[in-house]
Amino acid sequence: VKFFIIVFVMTVAGLWHGASWTFLIWGFIHGLYLGLTHLIIK
């Protein structure tokens, strides 16, 4: 659940940068990177 919250929050952060698909995808990808890094650390 934490993983999905991280991805969601970063996707919203992407939209904060601009209302376009590129920012949405940018935020989503960074959310995945963050979640996977937390997984690796765990």
PDB file of all heavy atoms in Angstrom:
ATOM      1  N   VAL A   1       0.852  -1.196   0.000  1.00  0.00           N
ATOM      2  CA  VAL A   1       0.000   0.000   0.000  1.00  0.00           C
ATOM      3  C   VAL A   1       0.886   1.244   0.000  1.00  0.00           C
ATOM      4  O   VAL A   1       0.630   2.207  -0.731  1.00  0.00           O
ATOM      5  CB  VAL A   1      -0.961  -0.006   1.206  1.00  0.00           C
ATOM      6  CG1 VAL A   1      -1.764   1.288   1.254  1.00  0.00           C
ATOM      7  CG2 VAL A   1      -1.881  -1.215   1.153  1.00  0.00           C
ATOM      8  N   LYS A   2       1.941   1.224   0.802  1.00  0.00           N
ATOM      9  CA  LYS A   2       2.898   2.334   0.837  1.00  0.00           C
ATOM     10  C   LYS A   2       3.469   2.560  -0.561  1.00  0.00           C
ATOM     11  O   LYS A   2       3.595   3.701  -1.012  1.00  0.00           O
ATOM     12  CB  LYS A   2       4.021   2.020   1.828  1.00  0.00           C
ATOM     13  CG  LYS A   2       5.132   3.031   1.858  1.00  0.00           C
ATOM     14  CD  LYS A   2       6.250   2.580   2.802  1.00  0.00           C
ATOM     15  CE  LYS A   2       7.455   3.456   2.649  1.00  0.00           C
ATOM     16  NZ  LYS A   2       8.563   3.066   3.506  1.00  0.00           N
ATOM     17  N   PHE A   3       3.792   1.485  -1.261  1.00  0.00           N
ATOM     18  CA  PHE A   3       4.334   1.569  -2.618  1.00  0.00           C
ATOM     19  C   PHE A   3       3.372   2.331  -3.530  1.00  0.00           C
ATOM     20  O   PHE A   3       3.759   3.249  -4.243  1.00  0.00           O
ATOM     21  CB  PHE A   3       4.595   0.156  -3.157  1.00  0.00           C
ATOM     22  CG  PHE A   3       5.220   0.124  -4.518  1.00  0.00           C
ATOM     23  CD1 PHE A   3       6.597   0.102  -4.652  1.00  0.00           C
ATOM     24  CD2 PHE A   3       4.442   0.106  -5.668  1.00  0.00           C
ATOM     25  CE1 PHE A   3       7.191   0.059  -5.904  1.00  0.00           C
ATOM     26  CE2 PHE A   3       5.025   0.067  -6.924  1.00  0.00           C
ATOM     27  CZ  PHE A   3       6.399   0.047  -7.037  1.00  0.00           C
ATOM     28  N   PHE A   4       2.092   1.954  -3.494  1.00  0.00           N
ATOM     29  CA  PHE A   4       1.107   2.616  -4.355  1.00  0.00           C
ATOM     30  C   PHE A   4       0.864   4.064  -3.946  1.00  0.00           C
ATOM     31  O   PHE A   4       0.641   4.916  -4.801  1.00  0.00           O
ATOM     32  CB  PHE A   4      -0.206   1.822  -4.385  1.00  0.00           C
ATOM     33  CG  PHE A   4      -0.084   0.563  -5.191  1.00  0.00           C
ATOM     34  CD1 PHE A   4      -0.085  -0.672  -4.570  1.00  0.00           C
ATOM     35  CD2 PHE A   4       0.067   0.609  -6.568  1.00  0.00           C
ATOM     36  CE1 PHE A   4       0.050  -1.835  -5.306  1.00  0.00           C
ATOM     37  CE2 PHE A   4       0.203  -0.548  -7.322  1.00  0.00           C
ATOM     38  CZ  PHE A   4       0.196  -1.769  -6.689  1.00  0.00           C
ATOM     39  N   ILE A   5       0.936   4.358  -2.641  1.00  0.00           N
ATOM     40  CA  ILE A   5       0.788   5.742  -2.194  1.00  0.00           C
ATOM     41  C   ILE A   5       1.954   6.586  -2.716  1.00  0.00           C
ATOM     42  O   ILE A   5       1.756   7.711  -3.179  1.00  0.00           O
ATOM     43  CB  ILE A   5       0.688   5.815  -0.652  1.00  0.00           C
ATOM     44  CG1 ILE A   5      -0.631   5.196  -0.183  1.00  0.00           C
ATOM     45  CG2 ILE A   5       0.790   7.262  -0.172  1.00  0.00           C
ATOM     46  CD1 ILE A   5      -0.734   5.041   1.329  1.00  0.00           C
ATOM     47  N   ILE A   6       3.164   6.036  -2.661  1.00  0.00           N
ATOM     48  CA  ILE A   6       4.341   6.755  -3.183  1.00  0.00           C
ATOM     49  C   ILE A   6       4.155   7.063  -4.668  1.00  0.00           C
ATOM     50  O   ILE A   6       4.382   8.192  -5.110  1.00  0.00           O
ATOM     51  CB  ILE A   6       5.635   5.942  -2.954  1.00  0.00           C
ATOM     52  CG1 ILE A   6       5.982   5.899  -1.464  1.00  0.00           C
ATOM     53  CG2 ILE A   6       6.791   6.521  -3.758  1.00  0.00           C
ATOM     54  CD1 ILE A   6       7.084   4.911  -1.118  1.00  0.00           C
ATOM     55  N   VAL A   7       3.731   6.066  -5.436  1.00  0.00           N
ATOM     56  CA  VAL A   7       3.528   6.269  -6.879  1.00  0.00           C
ATOM     57  C   VAL A   7       2.443   7.317  -7.114  1.00  0.00           C
ATOM     58  O   VAL A   7       2.609   8.217  -7.950  1.00  0.00           O
ATOM     59  CB  VAL A   7       3.183   4.938  -7.578  1.00  0.00           C
ATOM     60  CG1 VAL A   7       2.785   5.165  -9.025  1.00  0.00           C
ATOM     61  CG2 VAL A   7       4.352   3.963  -7.480  1.00  0.00           C
ATOM     62  N   PHE A   8       1.351   7.237  -6.349  1.00  0.00           N
ATOM     63  CA  PHE A   8       0.269   8.208  -6.493  1.00  0.00           C
ATOM     64  C   PHE A   8       0.740   9.625  -6.177  1.00  0.00           C
ATOM     65  O   PHE A   8       0.482  10.572  -6.937  1.00  0.00           O
ATOM     66  CB  PHE A   8      -0.917   7.828  -5.592  1.00  0.00           C
ATOM     67  CG  PHE A   8      -2.004   8.864  -5.569  1.00  0.00           C
ATOM     68  CD1 PHE A   8      -2.859   9.022  -6.654  1.00  0.00           C
ATOM     69  CD2 PHE A   8      -2.157   9.706  -4.475  1.00  0.00           C
ATOM     70  CE1 PHE A   8      -3.855   9.998  -6.640  1.00  0.00           C
ATOM     71  CE2 PHE A   8      -3.140  10.676  -4.455  1.00  0.00           C
ATOM     72  CZ  PHE A   8      -3.989  10.818  -5.542  1.00  0.00           C
ATOM     73  N   VAL A   9       1.436   9.798  -5.066  1.00  0.00           N
ATOM     74  CA  VAL A   9       1.894  11.124  -4.647  1.00  0.00           C
ATOM     75  C   VAL A   9       2.845  11.711  -5.685  1.00  0.00           C
ATOM     76  O   VAL A   9       2.745  12.892  -6.038  1.00  0.00           O
ATOM     77  CB  VAL A   9       2.538  11.075  -3.239  1.00  0.00           C
ATOM     78  CG1 VAL A   9       3.257  12.370  -2.907  1.00  0.00           C
ATOM     79  CG2 VAL A   9       1.481  10.763  -2.189  1.00  0.00           C
ATOM     80  N   MET A  10       3.774  10.909  -6.188  1.00  0.00           N
ATOM     81  CA  MET A  10       4.703  11.430  -7.191  1.00  0.00           C
ATOM     82  C   MET A  10       3.997  11.730  -8.515  1.00  0.00           C
ATOM     83  O   MET A  10       4.376  12.661  -9.225  1.00  0.00           O
ATOM     84  CB  MET A  10       5.862  10.453  -7.405  1.00  0.00           C
ATOM     85  CG  MET A  10       6.866  10.480  -6.286  1.00  0.00           C
ATOM     86  SD  MET A  10       7.548  12.120  -5.925  1.00  0.00           S
ATOM     87  CE  MET A  10       8.485  12.455  -7.404  1.00  0.00           C
ATOM     88  N   THR A  11       2.956  10.981  -8.839  1.00  0.00           N
ATOM     89  CA  THR A  11       2.177  11.279 -10.042  1.00  0.00           C
ATOM     90  C   THR A  11       1.487  12.630  -9.888  1.00  0.00           C
ATOM     91  O   THR A  11       1.485  13.450 -10.811  1.00  0.00           O
ATOM     92  CB  THR A  11       1.156  10.159 -10.315  1.00  0.00           C
ATOM     93  OG1 THR A  11       1.861   8.910 -10.436  1.00  0.00           O
ATOM     94  CG2 THR A  11       0.378  10.415 -11.590  1.00  0.00           C
ATOM     95  N   VAL A  12       0.937  12.882  -8.694  1.00  0.00           N
ATOM     96  CA  VAL A  12       0.342  14.190  -8.415  1.00  0.00           C
ATOM     97  C   VAL A  12       1.412  15.279  -8.487  1.00  0.00           C
ATOM     98  O   VAL A  12       1.175  16.362  -9.023  1.00  0.00           O
ATOM     99  CB  VAL A  12      -0.373  14.184  -7.044  1.00  0.00           C
ATOM    100  CG1 VAL A  12      -0.804  15.589  -6.638  1.00  0.00           C
ATOM    101  CG2 VAL A  12      -1.569  13.241  -7.070  1.00  0.00           C
ATOM    102  N   ALA A  13       2.615  14.983  -7.964  1.00  0.00           N
ATOM    103  CA  ALA A  13       3.719  15.946  -8.037  1.00  0.00           C
ATOM    104  C   ALA A  13       4.068  16.239  -9.496  1.00  0.00           C
ATOM    105  O   ALA A  13       4.416  17.374  -9.838  1.00  0.00           O
ATOM    106  CB  ALA A  13       4.946  15.424  -7.289  1.00  0.00           C
ATOM    107  N   GLY A  14       3.966  15.238 -10.346  1.00  0.00           N
ATOM    108  CA  GLY A  14       4.189  15.466 -11.774  1.00  0.00           C
ATOM    109  C   GLY A  14       3.165  16.435 -12.334  1.00  0.00           C
ATOM    110  O   GLY A  14       3.507  17.356 -13.080  1.00  0.00           O
ATOM    111  N   LEU A  15       1.897  16.258 -11.956  1.00  0.00           N
ATOM    112  CA  LEU A  15       0.858  17.178 -12.416  1.00  0.00           C
ATOM    113  C   LEU A  15       1.053  18.580 -11.853  1.00  0.00           C
ATOM    114  O   LEU A  15       0.666  19.564 -12.483  1.00  0.00           O
ATOM    115  CB  LEU A  15      -0.532  16.650 -12.022  1.00  0.00           C
ATOM    116  CG  LEU A  15      -1.051  15.494 -12.854  1.00  0.00           C
ATOM    117  CD1 LEU A  15      -2.368  14.982 -12.300  1.00  0.00           C
ATOM    118  CD2 LEU A  15      -1.195  15.900 -14.314  1.00  0.00           C
ATOM    119  N   TRP A  16       1.648  18.692 -10.666  1.00  0.00           N
ATOM    120  CA  TRP A  16       1.934  20.009 -10.102  1.00  0.00           C
ATOM    121  C   TRP A  16       2.880  20.778 -11.026  1.00  0.00           C
ATOM    122  O   TRP A  16       2.766  21.990 -11.167  1.00  0.00           O
ATOM    123  CB  TRP A  16       2.568  19.860  -8.711  1.00  0.00           C
ATOM    124  CG  TRP A  16       2.939  21.166  -8.104  1.00  0.00           C
ATOM    125  CD1 TRP A  16       2.139  21.987  -7.356  1.00  0.00           C
ATOM    126  CD2 TRP A  16       4.196  21.840  -8.198  1.00  0.00           C
ATOM    127  NE1 TRP A  16       2.822  23.121  -6.985  1.00  0.00           N
ATOM    128  CE2 TRP A  16       4.092  23.055  -7.493  1.00  0.00           C
ATOM    129  CE3 TRP A  16       5.408  21.551  -8.815  1.00  0.00           C
ATOM    130  CZ2 TRP A  16       5.144  23.962  -7.382  1.00  0.00           C
ATOM    131  CZ3 TRP A  16       6.454  22.449  -8.706  1.00  0.00           C
ATOM    132  CH2 TRP A  16       6.307  23.626  -7.996  1.00  0.00           C
ATOM    133  N   HIS A  17       3.794  20.064 -11.676  1.00  0.00           N
ATOM    134  CA  HIS A  17       4.744  20.717 -12.573  1.00  0.00           C
ATOM    135  C   HIS A  17       4.088  21.189 -13.864  1.00  0.00           C
ATOM    136  O   HIS A  17       4.569  22.107 -14.504  1.00  0.00           O
ATOM    137  CB  HIS A  17       5.912  19.778 -12.894  1.00  0.00           C
ATOM    138  CG  HIS A  17       6.887  19.650 -11.777  1.00  0.00           C
ATOM    139  ND1 HIS A  17       6.702  18.799 -10.714  1.00  0.00           N
ATOM    140  CD2 HIS A  17       8.052  20.282 -11.546  1.00  0.00           C
ATOM    141  CE1 HIS A  17       7.718  18.914  -9.885  1.00  0.00           C
ATOM    142  NE2 HIS A  17       8.544  19.811 -10.363  1.00  0.00           N
ATOM    143  N   GLY A  18       3.012  20.550 -14.252  1.00  0.00           N
ATOM    144  CA  GLY A  18       2.320  20.954 -15.469  1.00  0.00           C
ATOM    145  C   GLY A  18       1.217  19.973 -15.803  1.00  0.00           C
ATOM    146  O   GLY A  18       1.336  18.782 -15.547  1.00  0.00           O
ATOM    147  N   ALA A  19       0.134  20.466 -16.372  1.00  0.00           N
ATOM    148  CA  ALA A  19      -1.020  19.635 -16.684  1.00  0.00           C
ATOM    149  C   ALA A  19      -0.881  19.047 -18.083  1.00  0.00           C
ATOM    150  O   ALA A  19      -1.540  19.472 -19.027  1.00  0.00           O
ATOM    151  CB  ALA A  19      -2.303  20.444 -16.547  1.00  0.00           C
ATOM    152  N   SER A  20       0.013  18.072 -18.211  1.00  0.00           N
ATOM    153  CA  SER A  20       0.159  17.383 -19.489  1.00  0.00           C
ATOM    154  C   SER A  20       0.560  15.935 -19.216  1.00  0.00           C
ATOM    155  O   SER A  20       0.990  15.589 -18.119  1.00  0.00           O
ATOM    156  CB  SER A  20       1.204  18.068 -20.374  1.00  0.00           C
ATOM    157  OG  SER A  20       2.499  17.856 -19.863  1.00  0.00           O
ATOM    158  N   TRP A  21       0.403  15.112 -20.241  1.00  0.00           N
ATOM    159  CA  TRP A  21       0.738  13.696 -20.091  1.00  0.00           C
ATOM    160  C   TRP A  21       2.214  13.491 -19.777  1.00  0.00           C
ATOM    161  O   TRP A  21       2.571  12.574 -19.056  1.00  0.00           O
ATOM    162  CB  TRP A  21       0.371  12.929 -21.368  1.00  0.00           C
ATOM    163  CG  TRP A  21      -1.106  12.717 -21.464  1.00  0.00           C
ATOM    164  CD1 TRP A  21      -1.958  13.352 -22.313  1.00  0.00           C
ATOM    165  CD2 TRP A  21      -1.902  11.831 -20.678  1.00  0.00           C
ATOM    166  NE1 TRP A  21      -3.238  12.931 -22.100  1.00  0.00           N
ATOM    167  CE2 TRP A  21      -3.235  11.970 -21.097  1.00  0.00           C
ATOM    168  CE3 TRP A  21      -1.619  10.929 -19.663  1.00  0.00           C
ATOM    169  CZ2 TRP A  21      -4.278  11.255 -20.542  1.00  0.00           C
ATOM    170  CZ3 TRP A  21      -2.664  10.214 -19.103  1.00  0.00           C
ATOM    171  CH2 TRP A  21      -3.968  10.375 -19.535  1.00  0.00           C
ATOM    172  N   THR A  22       3.078  14.341 -20.314  1.00  0.00           N
ATOM    173  CA  THR A  22       4.509  14.154 -20.059  1.00  0.00           C
ATOM    174  C   THR A  22       4.828  14.319 -18.575  1.00  0.00           C
ATOM    175  O   THR A  22       5.605  13.548 -18.019  1.00  0.00           O
ATOM    176  CB  THR A  22       5.358  15.144 -20.892  1.00  0.00           C
ATOM    177  OG1 THR A  22       4.889  16.467 -20.663  1.00  0.00           O
ATOM    178  CG2 THR A  22       5.293  14.824 -22.364  1.00  0.00           C
ATOM    179  N   PHE A  23       4.228  15.316 -17.923  1.00  0.00           N
ATOM    180  CA  PHE A  23       4.468  15.503 -16.494  1.00  0.00           C
ATOM    181  C   PHE A  23       3.835  14.393 -15.668  1.00  0.00           C
ATOM    182  O   PHE A  23       4.391  13.958 -14.665  1.00  0.00           O
ATOM    183  CB  PHE A  23       3.967  16.869 -16.025  1.00  0.00           C
ATOM    184  CG  PHE A  23       4.808  18.002 -16.520  1.00  0.00           C
ATOM    185  CD1 PHE A  23       4.294  18.923 -17.415  1.00  0.00           C
ATOM    186  CD2 PHE A  23       6.121  18.160 -16.099  1.00  0.00           C
ATOM    187  CE1 PHE A  23       5.071  19.980 -17.874  1.00  0.00           C
ATOM    188  CE2 PHE A  23       6.905  19.204 -16.553  1.00  0.00           C
ATOM    189  CZ  PHE A  23       6.375  20.113 -17.439  1.00  0.00           C
ATOM    190  N   LEU A  24       2.656  13.934 -16.095  1.00  0.00           N
ATOM    191  CA  LEU A  24       1.996  12.829 -15.411  1.00  0.00           C
ATOM    192  C   LEU A  24       2.866  11.577 -15.482  1.00  0.00           C
ATOM    193  O   LEU A  24       3.102  10.902 -14.471  1.00  0.00           O
ATOM    194  CB  LEU A  24       0.626  12.567 -16.043  1.00  0.00           C
ATOM    195  CG  LEU A  24      -0.221  11.510 -15.360  1.00  0.00           C
ATOM    196  CD1 LEU A  24      -0.881  12.091 -14.123  1.00  0.00           C
ATOM    197  CD2 LEU A  24      -1.288  11.014 -16.337  1.00  0.00           C
ATOM    198  N   ILE A  25       3.376  11.275 -16.657  1.00  0.00           N
ATOM    199  CA  ILE A  25       4.241  10.101 -16.843  1.00  0.00           C
ATOM    200  C   ILE A  25       5.554  10.283 -16.077  1.00  0.00           C
ATOM    201  O   ILE A  25       6.037   9.349 -15.432  1.00  0.00           O
ATOM    202  CB  ILE A  25       4.488   9.848 -18.346  1.00  0.00           C
ATOM    203  CG1 ILE A  25       3.169   9.424 -19.017  1.00  0.00           C
ATOM    204  CG2 ILE A  25       5.573   8.806 -18.560  1.00  0.00           C
ATOM    205  CD1 ILE A  25       3.205   9.455 -20.526  1.00  0.00           C
ATOM    206  N   TRP A  26       6.123  11.484 -16.107  1.00  0.00           N
ATOM    207  CA  TRP A  26       7.349  11.780 -15.363  1.00  0.00           C
ATOM    208  C   TRP A  26       7.144  11.499 -13.876  1.00  0.00           C
ATOM    209  O   TRP A  26       7.968  10.848 -13.240  1.00  0.00           O
ATOM    210  CB  TRP A  26       7.739  13.244 -15.606  1.00  0.00           C
ATOM    211  CG  TRP A  26       8.868  13.739 -14.783  1.00  0.00           C
ATOM    212  CD1 TRP A  26      10.185  13.674 -15.095  1.00  0.00           C
ATOM    213  CD2 TRP A  26       8.794  14.385 -13.509  1.00  0.00           C
ATOM    214  NE1 TRP A  26      10.937  14.245 -14.074  1.00  0.00           N
ATOM    215  CE2 TRP A  26      10.103  14.678 -13.103  1.00  0.00           C
ATOM    216  CE3 TRP A  26       7.736  14.734 -12.673  1.00  0.00           C
ATOM    217  CZ2 TRP A  26      10.373  15.312 -11.896  1.00  0.00           C
ATOM    218  CZ3 TRP A  26       8.017  15.369 -11.484  1.00  0.00           C
ATOM    219  CH2 TRP A  26       9.325  15.646 -11.110  1.00  0.00           C
ATOM    220  N   GLY A  27       6.038  11.993 -13.309  1.00  0.00           N
ATOM    221  CA  GLY A  27       5.751  11.756 -11.895  1.00  0.00           C
ATOM    222  C   GLY A  27       5.545  10.282 -11.599  1.00  0.00           C
ATOM    223  O   GLY A  27       6.025   9.761 -10.588  1.00  0.00           O
ATOM    224  N   PHE A  28       4.828   9.594 -12.485  1.00  0.00           N
ATOM    225  CA  PHE A  28       4.579   8.159 -12.312  1.00  0.00           C
ATOM    226  C   PHE A  28       5.888   7.367 -12.320  1.00  0.00           C
ATOM    227  O   PHE A  28       6.111   6.502 -11.464  1.00  0.00           O
ATOM    228  CB  PHE A  28       3.642   7.665 -13.418  1.00  0.00           C
ATOM    229  CG  PHE A  28       3.339   6.207 -13.355  1.00  0.00           C
ATOM    230  CD1 PHE A  28       2.434   5.714 -12.423  1.00  0.00           C
ATOM    231  CD2 PHE A  28       3.950   5.321 -14.218  1.00  0.00           C
ATOM    232  CE1 PHE A  28       2.160   4.353 -12.358  1.00  0.00           C
ATOM    233  CE2 PHE A  28       3.686   3.962 -14.171  1.00  0.00           C
ATOM    234  CZ  PHE A  28       2.784   3.479 -13.235  1.00  0.00           C
ATOM    235  N   ILE A  29       6.758   7.677 -13.251  1.00  0.00           N
ATOM    236  CA  ILE A  29       8.045   6.973 -13.340  1.00  0.00           C
ATOM    237  C   ILE A  29       8.889   7.240 -12.098  1.00  0.00           C
ATOM    238  O   ILE A  29       9.481   6.317 -11.530  1.00  0.00           O
ATOM    239  CB  ILE A  29       8.795   7.359 -14.630  1.00  0.00           C
ATOM    240  CG1 ILE A  29       8.077   6.762 -15.844  1.00  0.00           C
ATOM    241  CG2 ILE A  29      10.254   6.913 -14.581  1.00  0.00           C
ATOM    242  CD1 ILE A  29       8.583   7.263 -17.182  1.00  0.00           C
ATOM    243  N   HIS A  30       8.921   8.491 -11.642  1.00  0.00           N
ATOM    244  CA  HIS A  30       9.680   8.794 -10.422  1.00  0.00           C
ATOM    245  C   HIS A  30       9.061   8.089  -9.211  1.00  0.00           C
ATOM    246  O   HIS A  30       9.778   7.644  -8.317  1.00  0.00           O
ATOM    247  CB  HIS A  30       9.778  10.302 -10.198  1.00  0.00           C
ATOM    248  CG  HIS A  30      10.893  10.914 -10.972  1.00  0.00           C
ATOM    249  ND1 HIS A  30      12.136  11.120 -10.439  1.00  0.00           N
ATOM    250  CD2 HIS A  30      10.965  11.341 -12.254  1.00  0.00           C
ATOM    251  CE1 HIS A  30      12.925  11.649 -11.350  1.00  0.00           C
ATOM    252  NE2 HIS A  30      12.237  11.788 -12.465  1.00  0.00           N
ATOM    253  N   GLY A  31       7.743   7.980  -9.187  1.00  0.00           N
ATOM    254  CA  GLY A  31       7.080   7.236  -8.117  1.00  0.00           C
ATOM    255  C   GLY A  31       7.488   5.776  -8.131  1.00  0.00           C
ATOM    256  O   GLY A  31       7.749   5.176  -7.079  1.00  0.00           O
ATOM    257  N   LEU A  32       7.543   5.183  -9.336  1.00  0.00           N
ATOM    258  CA  LEU A  32       7.998   3.786  -9.444  1.00  0.00           C
ATOM    259  C   LEU A  32       9.440   3.642  -8.967  1.00  0.00           C
ATOM    260  O   LEU A  32       9.762   2.705  -8.227  1.00  0.00           O
ATOM    261  CB  LEU A  32       7.887   3.297 -10.895  1.00  0.00           C
ATOM    262  CG  LEU A  32       6.494   2.986 -11.407  1.00  0.00           C
ATOM    263  CD1 LEU A  32       6.551   2.587 -12.887  1.00  0.00           C
ATOM    264  CD2 LEU A  32       5.826   1.891 -10.596  1.00  0.00           C
ATOM    265  N   TYR A  33      10.305   4.566  -9.384  1.00  0.00           N
ATOM    266  CA  TYR A  33      11.702   4.522  -8.936  1.00  0.00           C
ATOM    267  C   TYR A  33      11.793   4.604  -7.411  1.00  0.00           C
ATOM    268  O   TYR A  33      12.548   3.860  -6.783  1.00  0.00           O
ATOM    269  CB  TYR A  33      12.512   5.669  -9.536  1.00  0.00           C
ATOM    270  CG  TYR A  33      12.844   5.553 -11.003  1.00  0.00           C
ATOM    271  CD1 TYR A  33      13.111   6.687 -11.753  1.00  0.00           C
ATOM    272  CD2 TYR A  33      12.904   4.329 -11.651  1.00  0.00           C
ATOM    273  CE1 TYR A  33      13.424   6.612 -13.099  1.00  0.00           C
ATOM    274  CE2 TYR A  33      13.214   4.240 -12.995  1.00  0.00           C
ATOM    275  CZ  TYR A  33      13.469   5.376 -13.713  1.00  0.00           C
ATOM    276  OH  TYR A  33      13.779   5.301 -15.034  1.00  0.00           O
ATOM    277  N   LEU A  34      11.035   5.525  -6.820  1.00  0.00           N
ATOM    278  CA  LEU A  34      11.044   5.670  -5.363  1.00  0.00           C
ATOM    279  C   LEU A  34      10.543   4.400  -4.681  1.00  0.00           C
ATOM    280  O   LEU A  34      11.150   3.910  -3.726  1.00  0.00           O
ATOM    281  CB  LEU A  34      10.191   6.861  -4.935  1.00  0.00           C
ATOM    282  CG  LEU A  34      10.819   8.231  -5.099  1.00  0.00           C
ATOM    283  CD1 LEU A  34       9.764   9.320  -4.991  1.00  0.00           C
ATOM    284  CD2 LEU A  34      11.906   8.444  -4.070  1.00  0.00           C
ATOM    285  N   GLY A  35       9.428   3.873  -5.170  1.00  0.00           N
ATOM    286  CA  GLY A  35       8.875   2.657  -4.585  1.00  0.00           C
ATOM    287  C   GLY A  35       9.824   1.474  -4.703  1.00  0.00           C
ATOM    288  O   GLY A  35      10.024   0.720  -3.739  1.00  0.00           O
ATOM    289  N   LEU A  36      10.425   1.313  -5.875  1.00  0.00           N
ATOM    290  CA  LEU A  36      11.375   0.210  -6.069  1.00  0.00           C
ATOM    291  C   LEU A  36      12.618   0.385  -5.203  1.00  0.00           C
ATOM    292  O   LEU A  36      13.153  -0.602  -4.676  1.00  0.00           O
ATOM    293  CB  LEU A  36      11.756   0.098  -7.546  1.00  0.00           C
ATOM    294  CG  LEU A  36      10.643  -0.389  -8.470  1.00  0.00           C
ATOM    295  CD1 LEU A  36      11.063  -0.272  -9.932  1.00  0.00           C
ATOM    296  CD2 LEU A  36      10.232  -1.812  -8.133  1.00  0.00           C
ATOM    297  N   THR A  37      13.064   1.617  -5.021  1.00  0.00           N
ATOM    298  CA  THR A  37      14.220   1.855  -4.156  1.00  0.00           C
ATOM    299  C   THR A  37      13.881   1.509  -2.709  1.00  0.00           C
ATOM    300  O   THR A  37      14.691   0.885  -2.012  1.00  0.00           O
ATOM    301  CB  THR A  37      14.694   3.322  -4.274  1.00  0.00           C
ATOM    302  OG1 THR A  37      14.980   3.598  -5.644  1.00  0.00           O
ATOM    303  CG2 THR A  37      15.936   3.568  -3.427  1.00  0.00           C
ATOM    304  N   HIS A  38      12.680   1.880  -2.256  1.00  0.00           N
ATOM    305  CA  HIS A  38      12.247   1.480  -0.906  1.00  0.00           C
ATOM    306  C   HIS A  38      12.192  -0.044  -0.788  1.00  0.00           C
ATOM    307  O   HIS A  38      12.577  -0.604   0.242  1.00  0.00           O
ATOM    308  CB  HIS A  38      10.879   2.077  -0.570  1.00  0.00           C
ATOM    309  CG  HIS A  38      10.930   3.496  -0.117  1.00  0.00           C
ATOM    310  ND1 HIS A  38      11.380   3.857   1.125  1.00  0.00           N
ATOM    311  CD2 HIS A  38      10.586   4.649  -0.748  1.00  0.00           C
ATOM    312  CE1 HIS A  38      11.306   5.174   1.255  1.00  0.00           C
ATOM    313  NE2 HIS A  38      10.837   5.677   0.126  1.00  0.00           N
ATOM    314  N   LEU A  39      11.730  -0.701  -1.848  1.00  0.00           N
ATOM    315  CA  LEU A  39      11.665  -2.167  -1.858  1.00  0.00           C
ATOM    316  C   LEU A  39      13.058  -2.775  -1.756  1.00  0.00           C
ATOM    317  O   LEU A  39      13.291  -3.694  -0.954  1.00  0.00           O
ATOM    318  CB  LEU A  39      10.964  -2.641  -3.134  1.00  0.00           C
ATOM    319  CG  LEU A  39      10.760  -4.134  -3.303  1.00  0.00           C
ATOM    320  CD1 LEU A  39       9.742  -4.633  -2.285  1.00  0.00           C
ATOM    321  CD2 LEU A  39      10.285  -4.443  -4.719  1.00  0.00           C
ATOM    322  N   ILE A  40      13.980  -2.273  -2.530  1.00  0.00           N
ATOM    323  CA  ILE A  40      15.362  -2.774  -2.495  1.00  0.00           C
ATOM    324  C   ILE A  40      15.972  -2.560  -1.117  1.00  0.00           C
ATOM    325  O   ILE A  40      16.607  -3.464  -0.558  1.00  0.00           O
ATOM    326  CB  ILE A  40      16.212  -2.097  -3.593  1.00  0.00           C
ATOM    327  CG1 ILE A  40      15.768  -2.592  -4.971  1.00  0.00           C
ATOM    328  CG2 ILE A  40      17.702  -2.335  -3.369  1.00  0.00           C
ATOM    329  CD1 ILE A  40      16.314  -1.782  -6.126  1.00  0.00           C
ATOM    330  N   ILE A  41      15.760  -1.387  -0.544  1.00  0.00           N
ATOM    331  CA  ILE A  41      16.298  -1.108   0.787  1.00  0.00           C
ATOM    332  C   ILE A  41      15.681  -2.032   1.826  1.00  0.00           C
ATOM    333  O   ILE A  41      16.370  -2.558   2.703  1.00  0.00           O
ATOM    334  CB  ILE A  41      16.095   0.382   1.154  1.00  0.00           C
ATOM    335  CG1 ILE A  41      17.009   1.248   0.296  1.00  0.00           C
ATOM    336  CG2 ILE A  41      16.338   0.630   2.640  1.00  0.00           C
ATOM    337  CD1 ILE A  41      16.726   2.737   0.390  1.00  0.00           C
ATOM    338  N   LYS A  42      14.374  -2.258   1.711  1.00  0.00           N
ATOM    339  CA  LYS A  42      13.687  -3.146   2.662  1.00  0.00           C
ATOM    340  C   LYS A  42      14.281  -4.548   2.598  1.00  0.00           C
ATOM    341  O   LYS A  42      14.602  -5.145   3.624  1.00  0.00           O
ATOM    342  CB  LYS A  42      12.189  -3.189   2.352  1.00  0.00           C
ATOM    343  CG  LYS A  42      11.422  -4.150   3.223  1.00  0.00           C
ATOM    344  CD  LYS A  42       9.966  -4.201   2.836  1.00  0.00           C
ATOM    345  CE  LYS A  42       9.310  -5.327   3.581  1.00  0.00           C
ATOM    346  NZ  LYS A  42       7.990  -5.057   4.003  1.00  0.00           N
TER     347      LYS A  42
END
